């Protein structure tokens, strides 16, 4: 043990100050990693989930361009040709070209979110 002039000593080695300090550092790192992991998971969920705003924008875009050719009955019939989300994305992209919508990918995504949320539910 190391003694100070006031008579107080810091134990070293097994169970001493340095070991407790090292354990505390490990616990702090572990806690920080868990917090960072939770933040990353929340960020990923938010990034990949469709928001109501996207669907609302998609509805407005759909009503502006798509209803010129067809109504929403197309999406609810039993013999519809769109069977999964990838086909829906492709179909919206093709239809946007046919409707001369000139939509960027984010607007196509908004329409896909609207259609999927309200009709297809993939």
Protein backbone atom coordinates (compact mmCIF):
# COMPACT_ATOMS: atom_id res chain seq x y z
CA UNK A 1 0.00 0.00 0.00
CA UNK A 2 0.99 3.52 -0.64
CA UNK A 3 0.69 5.82 2.34
CA UNK A 4 0.12 9.53 2.32
CA UNK A 5 1.49 11.81 4.95
CA UNK A 6 -1.99 12.24 6.47
CA UNK A 7 -2.24 8.54 7.20
CA UNK A 8 -4.70 7.70 4.42
CA UNK A 9 -3.69 4.94 2.02
CA UNK A 10 -4.81 3.95 -1.47
CA UNK A 11 -4.87 0.18 -1.88
CA UNK A 12 -3.38 -1.08 -5.15
CA UNK A 13 -3.92 -4.26 -7.05
CA UNK A 14 -6.80 -6.60 -6.38
CA UNK A 15 -9.91 -4.62 -5.48
CA UNK A 16 -7.91 -1.45 -5.07
CA UNK A 17 -8.36 2.03 -6.48
CA UNK A 18 -6.86 1.30 -9.89
CA UNK A 19 -9.03 -1.80 -10.42
CA UNK A 20 -12.21 0.03 -9.45
CA UNK A 21 -11.25 2.91 -11.68
CA UNK A 22 -10.70 0.54 -14.63
CA UNK A 23 -14.08 -1.13 -14.01
CA UNK A 24 -15.76 2.27 -13.93
CA UNK A 25 -14.15 3.20 -17.26
CA UNK A 26 -15.39 -0.06 -18.82
CA UNK A 27 -18.91 0.55 -17.50
CA UNK A 28 -18.88 4.09 -18.88
CA UNK A 29 -17.80 2.86 -22.34
CA UNK A 30 -20.46 0.14 -22.23
CA UNK A 31 -23.13 2.70 -21.32
CA UNK A 32 -22.02 5.05 -24.12
CA UNK A 33 -22.11 2.20 -26.66
CA UNK A 34 -25.65 1.25 -25.60
CA UNK A 35 -26.82 4.86 -25.93
CA UNK A 36 -25.18 5.19 -29.36
CA UNK A 37 -26.76 1.92 -30.47
CA UNK A 38 -30.21 3.12 -29.40
CA UNK A 39 -29.72 6.40 -31.25
CA UNK A 40 -28.65 4.53 -34.40
CA UNK A 41 -31.66 2.22 -34.23
CA UNK A 42 -34.05 5.15 -33.82
CA UNK A 43 -32.40 6.98 -36.71
CA UNK A 44 -32.71 3.91 -38.96
CA UNK A 45 -36.35 3.38 -38.07
CA UNK A 46 -37.14 7.01 -38.81
CA UNK A 47 -35.18 6.96 -42.04
CA UNK A 48 -36.90 3.89 -43.45
CA UNK A 49 -40.42 4.46 -42.23
CA UNK A 50 -42.87 6.37 -44.32
CA UNK A 51 -44.23 9.40 -42.62
CA UNK A 52 -47.81 10.66 -42.87
CA UNK A 53 -46.43 13.77 -44.57
CA UNK A 54 -44.93 11.67 -47.36
CA UNK A 55 -48.24 9.89 -47.87
CA UNK A 56 -50.12 13.21 -47.86
CA UNK A 57 -47.74 14.60 -50.48
CA UNK A 58 -48.17 11.38 -52.42
CA UNK A 59 -51.95 11.73 -52.34
CA UNK A 60 -51.76 15.25 -53.74
CA UNK A 61 -49.35 14.14 -56.48
CA UNK A 62 -51.54 11.14 -57.30
CA UNK A 63 -54.69 13.25 -57.51
CA UNK A 64 -52.93 15.82 -59.68
CA UNK A 65 -51.43 13.45 -62.29
CA UNK A 66 -52.68 9.88 -61.94
CA UNK A 67 -56.45 10.38 -61.83
CA UNK A 68 -56.33 11.58 -65.42
CA UNK A 69 -55.98 7.95 -66.50
CA UNK A 70 -57.54 5.89 -63.70
CA UNK A 71 -59.21 5.95 -60.30
CA UNK A 72 -58.29 4.17 -57.08
CA UNK A 73 -60.55 1.24 -58.05
CA UNK A 74 -57.57 -0.01 -60.03
CA UNK A 75 -55.74 -0.77 -56.77
CA UNK A 76 -58.55 -2.64 -55.01
CA UNK A 77 -59.64 -5.06 -57.71
CA UNK A 78 -58.87 -8.74 -57.21
CA UNK A 79 -56.92 -9.26 -60.43
CA UNK A 80 -54.48 -6.40 -59.89
CA UNK A 81 -51.05 -6.98 -61.39
CA UNK A 82 -49.00 -5.29 -58.65
CA UNK A 83 -48.02 -8.05 -56.21
CA UNK A 84 -45.16 -6.49 -54.21
CA UNK A 85 -43.52 -3.19 -53.30
CA UNK A 86 -40.82 -3.37 -55.98
CA UNK A 87 -43.41 -3.82 -58.73
CA UNK A 88 -45.40 -0.91 -57.27
CA UNK A 89 -42.32 1.35 -57.39
CA UNK A 90 -41.67 0.38 -61.00
CA UNK A 91 -45.30 0.89 -61.97
CA UNK A 92 -45.46 4.36 -60.41
CA UNK A 93 -42.23 5.33 -62.18
CA UNK A 94 -43.56 4.14 -65.55
CA UNK A 95 -46.92 5.84 -65.00
CA UNK A 96 -45.22 9.09 -64.00
CA UNK A 97 -43.43 9.10 -67.35
CA UNK A 98 -46.67 8.36 -69.21
CA UNK A 99 -48.42 11.18 -67.33
CA UNK A 100 -45.50 13.51 -68.11
CA UNK A 101 -45.17 14.19 -64.40
CA UNK A 102 -41.37 14.58 -64.43
CA UNK A 103 -41.18 13.45 -60.80
CA UNK A 104 -37.87 13.03 -59.01
CA UNK A 105 -37.30 9.87 -56.97
CA UNK A 106 -38.55 11.50 -53.76
CA UNK A 107 -41.92 12.34 -55.34
CA UNK A 108 -42.22 8.85 -56.79
CA UNK A 109 -41.49 7.56 -53.27
CA UNK A 110 -44.24 9.77 -51.86
CA UNK A 111 -46.79 8.36 -54.31
CA UNK A 112 -45.61 4.81 -53.60
CA UNK A 113 -45.99 5.47 -49.84
CA UNK A 114 -49.51 6.82 -50.36
CA UNK A 115 -50.62 3.88 -52.51
CA UNK A 116 -49.01 1.29 -50.26
CA UNK A 117 -50.39 2.80 -47.06
CA UNK A 118 -53.94 3.17 -48.36
CA UNK A 119 -54.41 0.32 -50.82
CA UNK A 120 -51.67 -2.29 -51.21
CA UNK A 121 -50.32 -2.62 -47.64
CA UNK A 122 -47.18 -4.58 -48.51
